Amino acid sequence: MDQKSHCGDRYAFQETATTAQGKILLATVPRSRLIVGSVQNRRKFLSQSLNVAQPDAILSDLDFEGWFFCESQLTAPWGLALPGGRLAAVHAVLEGRCRIDLGPTGVSRDLEAGDVAFLPLDTPHALRSGRDVEAIPVADLPGLDRGDRRMVRLHHGGGGDQVTLLTASFRTTGSLPPVVLSGIEPLIVIPADNHAKLGLLLELCRTEHHTRDFAQSAVLRRLGEVLFLVTLQVLSEQGSPGTGWLSAVSDPRLGRVLEAVHTSPGEAWSLNRLAEIAGMSRASLARRFRERLGVTPLSYLTMLRIDTAAASLARNRQMISRIAHQSGYSSIPSFTRAFVKARGMTPSQFRRHAQMAREDGVLQPE
C-alpha cells in the first residue's frame, strides 16, 4: 500500500493502492483527526475508524438481467400466489391495503399505500386482500395482459376495495448478485413515509400510473429499477446485518478490499495484496471475508471477473481476447475454462445467447 501526504488545508494524509490503472484512493484522514506517530499507527487508526467503501460504485458493476414488471389493479377479494425463484422482488403498494405471506418461513405482514415490500431472494409468497383469501397462481389468472412484452398488466378481483401494486423482479445468470443480497431478512417492509426519497419515488409511480401517457410502461420499468436500488440504499442507511454483503461493504477493512477489486477487477490481485489493503493478515482477511460473504476473497474476485466479462460480451462487440485480458486472464483458453465452469457455455455461445435474449425483449413469467 502506498502512503501519500496531502499539502492542502483539509487533509493530513491519504492512503492509496497502486494498480495497473493508476492509484486508487482508499481513504483520507482530516487534519483535525491527525494522529502523531508512525505510519503503522496512522494506518491502524484508518483501519479502525473509517468506512471508505463506495457501495454505489460497487453496485454499478452488478449485471441484473431479465427484469419482469407487473402493474396490478386488484379488487377484493383477491389472492395471488407467486412462485418466486428469481433473484429478488419488490412490491410497491401505490393504493389501498393488502397482506403478504411467505409460505416457507411463516412470515406475514400487512401492507398499506406507501409501503414497499422487499424480498431479496424472491422467496415463494402470496399477496392477498385478506388473511383467509385463497391465493391463485398468478400465471393462471385470466386477467393477465401480456400485450406489452416488457410489462405485464393484471386486472383481477371481486369488485370490492381496490389495491394498486407495482411489482419489479429479476433474475440473473451471474454469480455475484446472490452474494450481494445475502444476509438480508427474507422480507423487509419499508414505509415510504419514513424515507423522503422513497416517498418521492412512489409518488412518481402513482402519477405515471394515472396519466397513461406515451411510453408509460417504459417509464414504470425504469422507476421499478430505481425503486430496487433505492430500497437497498435505505437498508444500508438503517444499519447493516451481521453477515452478508451490506455488512462487508460497511466494514472498514473489507470495504476497502471490495472497492479495490471492483475498481480494477483485471488487476493481478493476490491474497497478499488484498490483505495489505485491508491492513490484516492473510488468514484474518480470509476468515472474516468468508464469515461475512460465505466465499473467499479470491472466489469473490473470480465471480466479479466472470460477471464483468459476461456484461461486456452481452453489450459490445469487443474481441473475446480483449475482454479476457480486461477481466484478468492471460490467455483465451484460461478465460474460456473459467467462463464455462461458471456459466456452462463458452464466451462465444454466451454472446449469441445474449443477443437472442435482447431481440426477444425482457423475460416474461413462466
Protein backbone atom coordinates (compact mmCIF):
# COMPACT_ATOMS: atom_id res chain seq x y z
CA MET A 1 0.00 0.00 0.00
CA ASP A 2 1.25 3.50 -0.76
CA GLN A 3 1.10 6.42 1.61
CA LYS A 4 0.80 9.93 0.17
CA SER A 5 0.99 13.25 2.02
CA HIS A 6 -1.51 15.91 1.08
CA CYS A 7 -0.48 19.59 1.21
CA GLY A 8 -3.94 21.16 1.26
CA ASP A 9 -5.71 22.56 4.27
CA ARG A 10 -8.28 19.81 4.55
CA TYR A 11 -6.40 16.51 4.73
CA ALA A 12 -3.31 15.39 6.63
CA PHE A 13 -2.57 12.34 4.50
CA GLN A 14 -4.15 9.84 2.12
CA GLU A 15 -3.94 6.08 1.70
CA THR A 16 -3.73 4.70 -1.86
CA ALA A 17 -3.10 1.40 -3.61
CA THR A 18 -1.22 1.19 -6.92
CA THR A 19 -2.83 -0.77 -9.77
CA ALA A 20 -2.16 -1.04 -13.49
CA GLN A 21 -4.75 1.67 -13.99
CA GLY A 22 -3.04 4.02 -11.54
CA LYS A 23 -3.52 4.81 -7.88
CA ILE A 24 -6.81 4.03 -6.11
CA LEU A 25 -7.68 6.45 -3.33
CA LEU A 26 -8.65 4.28 -0.39
CA ALA A 27 -9.10 6.82 2.36
CA THR A 28 -8.18 10.25 3.67
CA VAL A 29 -7.63 11.46 7.21
CA PRO A 30 -8.61 15.07 8.01
CA ARG A 31 -6.05 17.29 9.70
CA SER A 32 -8.47 17.69 12.57
CA ARG A 33 -8.10 13.96 13.28
CA LEU A 34 -4.37 13.61 12.63
CA ILE A 35 -2.61 11.18 14.91
CA VAL A 36 1.02 11.95 15.53
CA GLY A 37 3.20 8.86 15.33
CA SER A 38 4.37 6.15 12.99
CA VAL A 39 2.87 5.18 9.65
CA GLN A 40 1.74 1.93 11.28
CA ASN A 41 -0.21 3.84 13.94
CA ARG A 42 -1.85 6.05 11.35
CA ARG A 43 -2.85 3.01 9.31
CA LYS A 44 -4.23 1.35 12.42
CA PHE A 45 -6.34 4.44 13.08
CA LEU A 46 -7.53 4.48 9.47
CA SER A 47 -8.48 0.78 9.52
CA GLN A 48 -10.43 1.09 12.74
CA SER A 49 -12.15 4.43 12.20
CA LEU A 50 -13.06 4.99 8.57
CA ASN A 51 -15.65 3.36 6.32
CA VAL A 52 -14.25 4.09 2.89
CA ALA A 53 -16.13 1.71 0.57
CA GLN A 54 -18.45 3.17 -2.02
CA PRO A 55 -21.45 0.79 -2.33
CA ASP A 56 -22.92 2.74 -5.25
CA ALA A 57 -19.77 2.24 -7.32
CA ILE A 58 -19.78 -1.46 -6.48
CA LEU A 59 -23.48 -1.92 -7.25
CA SER A 60 -22.96 -0.35 -10.67
CA ASP A 61 -20.85 -3.39 -11.62
CA LEU A 62 -23.64 -5.88 -10.97
CA ASP A 63 -25.42 -7.14 -14.05
CA PHE A 64 -29.05 -7.73 -13.09
CA GLU A 65 -30.90 -9.07 -16.11
CA GLY A 66 -34.31 -10.45 -17.07
CA TRP A 67 -36.40 -7.75 -15.39
CA PHE A 68 -40.11 -8.58 -15.04
CA PHE A 69 -42.61 -5.84 -14.29
CA CYS A 70 -46.27 -6.07 -13.43
CA GLU A 71 -48.77 -3.30 -12.79
CA SER A 72 -51.74 -4.81 -10.89
CA GLN A 73 -55.18 -3.35 -10.29
CA LEU A 74 -56.96 -5.64 -7.84
CA THR A 75 -60.37 -5.52 -6.15
CA ALA A 76 -61.29 -7.51 -3.04
CA PRO A 77 -61.47 -10.38 -2.59
CA TRP A 78 -58.33 -11.43 -4.41
CA GLY A 79 -55.24 -13.55 -3.81
CA LEU A 80 -52.09 -14.07 -5.87
CA ALA A 81 -49.57 -16.89 -5.42
CA LEU A 82 -46.13 -16.01 -6.76
CA PRO A 83 -43.67 -18.88 -7.31
CA GLY A 84 -40.51 -16.90 -6.56
CA GLY A 85 -37.29 -18.25 -7.92
CA ARG A 86 -35.94 -15.02 -9.32
CA LEU A 87 -33.14 -13.20 -7.60
CA ALA A 88 -35.22 -10.53 -5.87
CA ALA A 89 -38.63 -8.91 -5.91
CA VAL A 90 -40.04 -5.53 -4.91
CA HIS A 91 -43.77 -4.82 -4.39
CA ALA A 92 -44.77 -1.17 -4.05
CA VAL A 93 -48.32 -0.53 -2.79
CA LEU A 94 -49.47 2.55 -4.69
CA GLU A 95 -53.08 2.50 -3.44
CA GLY A 96 -55.12 0.51 -0.92
CA ARG A 97 -54.21 -2.23 1.57
CA CYS A 98 -53.20 -5.89 1.30
CA ARG A 99 -51.27 -8.66 3.02
CA ILE A 100 -48.10 -10.53 2.10
CA ASP A 101 -47.32 -14.06 3.34
CA LEU A 102 -44.08 -16.01 2.91
CA GLY A 103 -45.19 -19.62 2.90
CA PRO A 104 -41.86 -21.36 3.66
CA THR A 105 -40.99 -19.03 6.54
CA GLY A 106 -44.40 -18.25 8.03
CA VAL A 107 -43.61 -14.52 7.92
CA SER A 108 -46.64 -12.27 7.25
CA ARG A 109 -47.06 -8.51 7.09
CA ASP A 110 -49.94 -6.13 6.45
CA LEU A 111 -49.19 -3.54 3.77
CA GLU A 112 -50.80 -0.19 3.04
CA ALA A 113 -50.39 2.58 0.48
CA GLY A 114 -46.81 3.85 0.56
CA ASP A 115 -45.26 0.59 1.78
CA VAL A 116 -42.51 -1.18 -0.14
CA ALA A 117 -42.07 -4.93 0.41
CA PHE A 118 -38.58 -6.16 -0.49
CA LEU A 119 -37.79 -9.88 -0.92
CA PRO A 120 -34.03 -10.09 -1.53
CA LEU A 121 -34.10 -13.72 -2.67
CA ASP A 122 -37.66 -13.77 -4.09
CA THR A 123 -38.96 -16.45 -1.71
CA PRO A 124 -42.27 -18.04 -2.85
CA HIS A 125 -45.00 -15.83 -1.41
CA ALA A 126 -48.62 -14.75 -1.64
CA LEU A 127 -50.31 -11.38 -1.82
CA ARG A 128 -53.99 -11.22 -0.84
CA SER A 129 -56.74 -8.84 0.17
CA GLY A 130 -57.36 -10.65 3.47
CA ARG A 131 -55.96 -13.32 5.74
CA ASP A 132 -58.24 -16.18 4.65
CA VAL A 133 -58.48 -15.44 0.92
CA GLU A 134 -57.26 -18.21 -1.37
CA ALA A 135 -54.18 -17.33 -3.40
CA ILE A 136 -54.30 -18.39 -7.07
CA PRO A 137 -51.09 -18.88 -9.10
CA VAL A 138 -50.64 -15.62 -10.98
CA ALA A 139 -49.89 -17.39 -14.28
CA ASP A 140 -53.39 -18.99 -14.16
CA LEU A 141 -55.30 -15.72 -13.84
CA PRO A 142 -57.46 -14.76 -16.86
CA GLY A 143 -56.90 -11.04 -16.22
CA LEU A 144 -53.18 -11.20 -17.01
CA ASP A 145 -52.50 -8.98 -20.05
CA ARG A 146 -49.23 -9.82 -21.79
CA GLY A 147 -49.82 -7.45 -24.70
CA ASP A 148 -46.79 -5.38 -23.74
CA ARG A 149 -43.86 -7.78 -23.86
CA ARG A 150 -41.87 -5.58 -21.48
CA MET A 151 -44.54 -5.06 -18.86
CA VAL A 152 -47.47 -7.26 -17.77
CA ARG A 153 -50.73 -5.72 -16.56
CA LEU A 154 -53.11 -7.56 -14.28
CA HIS A 155 -56.78 -6.78 -13.60
CA HIS A 156 -58.36 -9.19 -11.14
CA GLY A 157 -60.72 -9.47 -8.20
CA GLY A 158 -64.29 -9.49 -6.93
CA GLY A 159 -65.20 -5.82 -7.29
CA GLY A 160 -64.58 -4.63 -3.71
CA ASP A 161 -61.90 -2.34 -2.28
CA GLN A 162 -59.20 -1.56 -4.81
CA VAL A 163 -55.45 -2.05 -4.50
CA THR A 164 -52.81 -0.92 -7.00
CA LEU A 165 -49.40 -2.62 -6.96
CA LEU A 166 -46.20 -2.14 -8.94
CA THR A 167 -44.03 -5.25 -8.93
CA ALA A 168 -40.44 -5.50 -10.16
CA SER A 169 -38.44 -8.71 -10.08
CA PHE A 170 -35.47 -10.02 -11.98
CA ARG A 171 -33.22 -12.96 -12.44
CA THR A 172 -29.60 -13.32 -13.45
CA THR A 173 -27.12 -15.92 -14.58
CA GLY A 174 -24.41 -14.11 -12.62
CA SER A 175 -22.75 -15.45 -9.50
CA LEU A 176 -22.22 -12.13 -7.76
CA PRO A 177 -25.77 -10.70 -7.30
CA PRO A 178 -26.87 -13.51 -4.93
CA VAL A 179 -23.80 -12.79 -2.81
CA VAL A 180 -24.67 -9.09 -2.72
CA LEU A 181 -28.18 -9.87 -1.49
CA SER A 182 -27.09 -12.43 1.09
CA GLY A 183 -27.55 -11.88 4.80
CA ILE A 184 -30.74 -9.81 4.43
CA GLU A 185 -34.02 -10.85 6.06
CA PRO A 186 -36.35 -12.73 3.63
CA LEU A 187 -38.98 -9.96 3.86
CA ILE A 188 -38.41 -6.31 4.67
CA VAL A 189 -41.21 -3.74 4.65
CA ILE A 190 -40.22 -0.09 4.41
CA PRO A 191 -42.89 2.60 4.87
CA ALA A 192 -42.30 5.34 2.32
CA ASP A 193 -43.29 7.91 4.96
CA ASN A 194 -40.05 7.07 6.76
CA HIS A 195 -37.84 7.96 3.82
CA ALA A 196 -38.24 11.10 1.71
CA LYS A 197 -36.56 9.74 -1.43
CA LEU A 198 -38.63 6.56 -1.37
CA GLY A 199 -41.82 8.56 -0.85
CA LEU A 200 -41.00 10.79 -3.81
CA LEU A 201 -40.31 7.76 -5.98
CA LEU A 202 -43.65 6.15 -5.09
CA GLU A 203 -45.42 9.43 -5.84
CA LEU A 204 -43.84 9.38 -9.30
CA CYS A 205 -45.07 5.80 -9.75
CA ARG A 206 -48.61 6.82 -8.75
CA THR A 207 -48.58 9.80 -11.11
CA GLU A 208 -47.32 7.74 -14.02
CA HIS A 209 -49.89 5.03 -13.29
CA HIS A 210 -52.75 7.52 -13.54
CA THR A 211 -51.58 9.57 -16.53
CA ARG A 212 -51.42 6.82 -19.18
CA ASP A 213 -49.05 8.99 -21.20
CA PHE A 214 -46.84 7.97 -24.10
CA ALA A 215 -44.13 5.45 -23.10
CA GLN A 216 -45.82 4.83 -19.76
CA SER A 217 -44.69 1.21 -19.47
CA ALA A 218 -41.07 2.17 -20.21
CA VAL A 219 -41.18 4.87 -17.52
CA LEU A 220 -42.68 2.48 -14.95
CA ARG A 221 -40.00 -0.10 -15.75
CA ARG A 222 -37.25 2.43 -15.12
CA LEU A 223 -38.95 3.51 -11.91
CA GLY A 224 -39.08 -0.13 -10.83
CA GLU A 225 -35.32 -0.46 -11.29
CA VAL A 226 -34.70 2.73 -9.33
CA LEU A 227 -37.12 1.51 -6.65
CA PHE A 228 -34.99 -1.60 -6.14
CA LEU A 229 -31.75 0.37 -5.85
CA VAL A 230 -33.24 2.97 -3.51
CA THR A 231 -34.57 0.16 -1.32
CA LEU A 232 -31.01 -1.21 -0.99
CA GLN A 233 -29.86 2.32 -0.21
CA VAL A 234 -32.44 2.64 2.57
CA LEU A 235 -31.38 -0.71 4.03
CA SER A 236 -27.75 0.36 4.11
CA GLU A 237 -28.71 3.58 5.92
CA GLN A 238 -30.70 1.65 8.50
CA GLY A 239 -27.68 -0.38 9.51
CA SER A 240 -26.12 -3.49 8.04
CA PRO A 241 -26.84 -7.01 9.30
CA GLY A 242 -24.17 -9.10 10.98
CA THR A 243 -23.42 -11.06 7.82
CA GLY A 244 -23.82 -10.55 4.10
CA TRP A 245 -22.63 -8.03 1.55
CA LEU A 246 -24.13 -4.95 3.23
CA SER A 247 -22.24 -5.93 6.36
CA ALA A 248 -19.00 -6.48 4.44
CA VAL A 249 -19.15 -3.23 2.49
CA SER A 250 -19.75 -1.34 5.76
CA ASP A 251 -16.69 -2.94 7.37
CA PRO A 252 -13.74 -0.50 7.14
CA ARG A 253 -11.27 -3.25 6.24
CA LEU A 254 -13.40 -5.43 3.96
CA GLY A 255 -14.94 -2.37 2.36
CA ARG A 256 -11.53 -1.25 1.09
CA VAL A 257 -10.87 -4.69 -0.37
CA LEU A 258 -14.25 -4.74 -2.14
CA GLU A 259 -13.73 -1.29 -3.60
CA ALA A 260 -10.23 -2.14 -4.80
CA VAL A 261 -11.27 -5.28 -6.71
CA HIS A 262 -14.37 -3.63 -8.14
CA THR A 263 -12.31 -0.65 -9.30
CA SER A 264 -9.78 -2.89 -11.09
CA PRO A 265 -11.09 -6.47 -11.43
CA GLY A 266 -8.47 -7.27 -14.06
CA GLU A 267 -5.60 -6.38 -11.76
CA ALA A 268 -3.26 -9.23 -10.74
CA TRP A 269 -4.66 -9.40 -7.23
CA SER A 270 -3.24 -11.85 -4.73
CA LEU A 271 -4.31 -12.62 -1.19
CA ASN A 272 -1.13 -10.85 -0.01
CA ARG A 273 -2.04 -7.60 -1.81
CA LEU A 274 -5.65 -7.70 -0.63
CA ALA A 275 -4.53 -8.35 2.95
CA GLU A 276 -2.21 -5.34 2.73
CA ILE A 277 -5.08 -3.12 1.57
CA ALA A 278 -7.23 -4.41 4.43
CA GLY A 279 -4.46 -3.94 6.97
CA MET A 280 -4.86 -7.56 8.08
CA SER A 281 -3.02 -10.84 7.89
CA ARG A 282 -3.94 -13.17 5.04
CA ALA A 283 -5.55 -15.66 7.41
CA SER A 284 -7.57 -12.98 9.21
CA LEU A 285 -8.79 -11.47 5.92
CA ALA A 286 -9.79 -14.86 4.52
CA ARG A 287 -11.62 -15.79 7.72
CA ARG A 288 -13.52 -12.50 8.07
CA PHE A 289 -14.36 -12.39 4.34
CA ARG A 290 -15.82 -15.91 4.46
CA GLU A 291 -17.73 -15.17 7.67
CA ARG A 292 -19.43 -12.14 6.08
CA LEU A 293 -19.83 -13.25 2.46
CA GLY A 294 -19.65 -17.03 2.52
CA VAL A 295 -16.81 -17.14 -0.03
CA THR A 296 -13.08 -16.47 -0.03
CA PRO A 297 -11.66 -13.17 -1.38
CA LEU A 298 -10.25 -14.87 -4.48
CA SER A 299 -13.51 -16.74 -5.15
CA TYR A 300 -15.33 -13.41 -4.96
CA LEU A 301 -12.80 -11.94 -7.38
CA THR A 302 -13.42 -14.78 -9.84
CA MET A 303 -17.19 -14.19 -9.66
CA LEU A 304 -16.65 -10.49 -10.29
CA ARG A 305 -14.36 -11.11 -13.25
CA ILE A 306 -16.72 -13.57 -14.93
CA ASP A 307 -19.77 -11.36 -14.36
CA THR A 308 -17.89 -8.32 -15.71
CA ALA A 309 -16.80 -10.31 -18.75
CA ALA A 310 -20.35 -11.57 -19.32
CA ALA A 311 -21.65 -8.00 -19.26
CA SER A 312 -19.06 -6.98 -21.85
CA LEU A 313 -19.90 -9.97 -24.05
CA ALA A 314 -23.59 -9.11 -23.94
CA ARG A 315 -23.27 -5.37 -24.53
CA ASN A 316 -20.47 -4.80 -27.02
CA ARG A 317 -18.60 -6.43 -29.89
CA GLN A 318 -15.11 -6.30 -28.42
CA MET A 319 -12.87 -9.20 -29.33
CA ILE A 320 -13.03 -12.02 -26.80
CA SER A 321 -9.26 -11.87 -26.35
CA ARG A 322 -9.54 -8.22 -25.27
CA ILE A 323 -12.38 -8.98 -22.84
CA ALA A 324 -10.33 -11.86 -21.39
CA HIS A 325 -7.36 -9.55 -20.82
CA GLN A 326 -9.50 -6.82 -19.25
CA SER A 327 -11.00 -9.44 -16.93
CA GLY A 328 -7.62 -10.54 -15.60
CA TYR A 329 -6.96 -13.64 -17.75
CA SER A 330 -3.64 -14.02 -19.55
CA SER A 331 -4.96 -16.29 -22.32
CA ILE A 332 -8.20 -17.16 -24.09
CA PRO A 333 -8.02 -20.87 -23.01
CA SER A 334 -7.77 -19.98 -19.31
CA PHE A 335 -10.60 -17.45 -19.69
CA THR A 336 -12.77 -19.96 -21.56
CA ARG A 337 -12.24 -22.66 -18.93
CA ALA A 338 -13.22 -20.28 -16.11
CA PHE A 339 -16.22 -18.97 -18.07
CA VAL A 340 -17.54 -22.45 -18.92
CA LYS A 341 -17.18 -23.51 -15.29
CA ALA A 342 -19.22 -20.51 -14.14
CA ARG A 343 -21.80 -20.17 -16.93
CA GLY A 344 -21.99 -23.62 -18.52
CA MET A 345 -21.16 -22.31 -22.01
CA THR A 346 -18.27 -20.75 -23.88
CA PRO A 347 -17.93 -16.97 -24.17
CA SER A 348 -18.95 -17.15 -27.85
CA GLN A 349 -22.05 -19.19 -27.02
CA PHE A 350 -22.94 -16.77 -24.23
CA ARG A 351 -22.66 -13.80 -26.61
CA ARG A 352 -25.03 -15.42 -29.11
CA HIS A 353 -27.48 -16.30 -26.31
CA ALA A 354 -27.41 -12.72 -25.00
CA GLN A 355 -28.06 -11.36 -28.48
CA MET A 356 -31.14 -13.56 -28.87
CA ALA A 357 -32.39 -12.53 -25.42
CA ARG A 358 -32.12 -8.83 -26.36
CA GLU A 359 -34.09 -9.42 -29.55
CA ASP A 360 -36.82 -11.25 -27.60
CA GLY A 361 -37.16 -8.48 -25.01
CA VAL A 362 -37.42 -8.71 -21.23
CA LEU A 363 -38.17 -12.17 -19.88
CA GLN A 364 -41.81 -12.91 -19.14
CA PRO A 365 -43.05 -15.03 -16.24
CA GLU A 366 -43.25 -18.74 -16.86
